[in-house]
Amino acid sequence: MKRFLPLLMLSLLLAACNPSQTAIDDLQKLTDRIEQKSDNWSEADWDDAMQHYSELCQTIDRYDYTDGQKHDIANLKGRCTAKFYKHAIRQTNQELKEAGEELQDAFIELGGAIEGLLEGIGR
């Protein structure tokens, strides 16, 4: 048993110091955080998540992985990307709605200006 304990501790230490696995674990944590908590995020929160995602992808790209790990990484990246796209679509829809409202207001004002112009010239 005394020989087993140092081997166990060494293997746990090596596993904890494996930067390629740490990057996958960090990507898993980010994915979980996005999926579970992003509904009420501010734009700054989204920017931070996208920056962290980009950094993790750069870190992950530095290492070689098994086919199983590659599959897991691709799955996590896909899930994150889907959330980023959904957020971008919601933002774009909101901006288009606001632009449409502003355009509608501008047309109402323009109509009033034309009406006033026509009244002013006697038509």
Protein backbone atom coordinates (compact mmCIF):
# COMPACT_ATOMS: atom_id res chain seq x y z
CA MET A 1 0.00 0.00 0.00
CA LYS A 2 2.87 2.36 0.78
CA ARG A 3 4.20 1.92 -2.76
CA PHE A 4 0.79 2.50 -4.29
CA LEU A 5 0.15 5.87 -2.62
CA PRO A 6 3.14 7.72 -4.21
CA LEU A 7 2.21 6.31 -7.64
CA LEU A 8 -1.36 7.47 -7.20
CA MET A 9 -0.24 10.93 -6.13
CA LEU A 10 2.18 11.16 -9.06
CA SER A 11 -0.49 10.17 -11.56
CA LEU A 12 -2.93 12.72 -10.10
CA LEU A 13 -0.26 15.40 -10.23
CA LEU A 14 0.57 14.61 -13.85
CA ALA A 15 -3.11 14.62 -14.79
CA ALA A 16 -3.58 18.00 -13.12
CA CYS A 17 -0.58 19.43 -14.98
CA ASN A 18 -1.68 18.31 -18.45
CA PRO A 19 -2.29 21.62 -20.26
CA SER A 20 -3.98 19.99 -23.25
CA GLN A 21 -6.60 18.36 -21.01
CA THR A 22 -6.92 21.55 -18.96
CA ALA A 23 -7.85 23.43 -22.13
CA ILE A 24 -10.58 20.89 -22.89
CA ASP A 25 -11.84 21.11 -19.32
CA ASP A 26 -11.89 24.92 -19.54
CA LEU A 27 -13.82 24.74 -22.80
CA GLN A 28 -16.32 22.40 -21.11
CA LYS A 29 -16.73 24.88 -18.23
CA LEU A 30 -17.22 27.79 -20.63
CA THR A 31 -19.76 25.81 -22.64
CA ASP A 32 -21.68 24.91 -19.49
CA ARG A 33 -21.61 28.53 -18.29
CA ILE A 34 -22.90 29.82 -21.64
CA GLU A 35 -25.65 27.23 -21.84
CA GLN A 36 -26.79 27.67 -18.25
CA LYS A 37 -26.33 31.35 -17.47
CA SER A 38 -26.23 33.43 -20.65
CA ASP A 39 -29.93 34.28 -20.90
CA ASN A 40 -29.50 37.53 -18.96
CA TRP A 41 -25.97 38.44 -19.97
CA SER A 42 -24.96 41.95 -20.89
CA GLU A 43 -23.11 42.70 -24.09
CA ALA A 44 -19.90 42.91 -22.03
CA ASP A 45 -20.53 39.39 -20.70
CA TRP A 46 -20.90 38.11 -24.26
CA ASP A 47 -17.73 39.91 -25.33
CA ASP A 48 -15.82 38.36 -22.43
CA ALA A 49 -17.13 34.88 -23.26
CA MET A 50 -16.20 35.26 -26.94
CA GLN A 51 -12.71 36.46 -26.01
CA HIS A 52 -12.24 33.55 -23.61
CA TYR A 53 -13.52 31.13 -26.27
CA SER A 54 -11.06 32.52 -28.82
CA GLU A 55 -8.15 32.17 -26.37
CA LEU A 56 -9.17 28.59 -25.52
CA CYS A 57 -9.35 27.68 -29.21
CA GLN A 58 -5.85 29.05 -29.75
CA THR A 59 -4.58 27.05 -26.78
CA ILE A 60 -6.31 23.88 -27.96
CA ASP A 61 -4.82 24.26 -31.43
CA ARG A 62 -1.31 23.98 -29.95
CA TYR A 63 -1.75 20.34 -28.92
CA ASP A 64 -2.36 16.96 -30.48
CA TYR A 65 -5.42 15.02 -29.39
CA THR A 66 -6.86 11.56 -29.71
CA ASP A 67 -9.81 11.03 -32.04
CA GLY A 68 -12.12 10.88 -29.03
CA GLN A 69 -10.80 14.16 -27.67
CA LYS A 70 -11.09 15.77 -31.12
CA HIS A 71 -14.73 14.68 -31.23
CA ASP A 72 -15.38 16.14 -27.77
CA ILE A 73 -13.64 19.40 -28.67
CA ALA A 74 -15.63 19.74 -31.89
CA ASN A 75 -18.85 19.10 -29.97
CA LEU A 76 -18.03 21.77 -27.38
CA LYS A 77 -16.97 24.27 -30.05
CA GLY A 78 -20.20 23.62 -31.94
CA ARG A 79 -22.32 24.18 -28.85
CA CYS A 80 -20.52 27.45 -28.04
CA THR A 81 -20.71 28.67 -31.61
CA ALA A 82 -24.45 27.94 -31.75
CA LYS A 83 -24.99 30.11 -28.65
CA PHE A 84 -22.83 32.89 -30.08
CA TYR A 85 -24.84 32.84 -33.34
CA LYS A 86 -28.16 32.84 -31.48
CA HIS A 87 -27.02 35.86 -29.51
CA ALA A 88 -25.87 37.65 -32.68
CA ILE A 89 -29.20 36.94 -34.37
CA ARG A 90 -31.15 38.28 -31.37
CA GLN A 91 -28.98 41.40 -31.34
CA THR A 92 -29.42 41.93 -35.07
CA ASN A 93 -33.19 41.49 -34.81
CA GLN A 94 -33.34 44.05 -32.00
CA GLU A 95 -31.23 46.51 -33.97
CA LEU A 96 -33.40 46.05 -37.07
CA LYS A 97 -36.54 46.59 -35.02
CA GLU A 98 -35.10 49.80 -33.56
CA ALA A 99 -33.96 50.98 -37.01
CA GLY A 100 -37.43 50.27 -38.41
CA GLU A 101 -39.04 52.32 -35.64
CA GLU A 102 -36.63 55.20 -36.29
CA LEU A 103 -37.35 55.02 -40.01
CA GLN A 104 -41.08 55.05 -39.36
CA ASP A 105 -40.67 58.15 -37.18
CA ALA A 106 -38.58 59.81 -39.89
CA PHE A 107 -41.28 59.14 -42.50
CA ILE A 108 -43.95 60.61 -40.23
CA GLU A 109 -41.82 63.72 -39.74
CA LEU A 110 -41.10 63.91 -43.45
CA GLY A 111 -44.81 63.64 -44.20
CA GLY A 112 -45.51 66.50 -41.81
CA ALA A 113 -42.77 68.59 -43.38
CA ILE A 114 -44.13 67.99 -46.89
CA GLU A 115 -47.64 68.83 -45.72
CA GLY A 116 -46.40 72.06 -44.14
CA LEU A 117 -44.44 72.93 -47.29
CA LEU A 118 -47.49 72.39 -49.47
CA GLU A 119 -49.63 74.51 -47.17
CA GLY A 120 -46.97 77.19 -47.21
CA ILE A 121 -46.95 77.43 -50.99
CA GLY A 122 -50.73 77.47 -51.13
CA ARG A 123 -51.69 74.04 -52.33
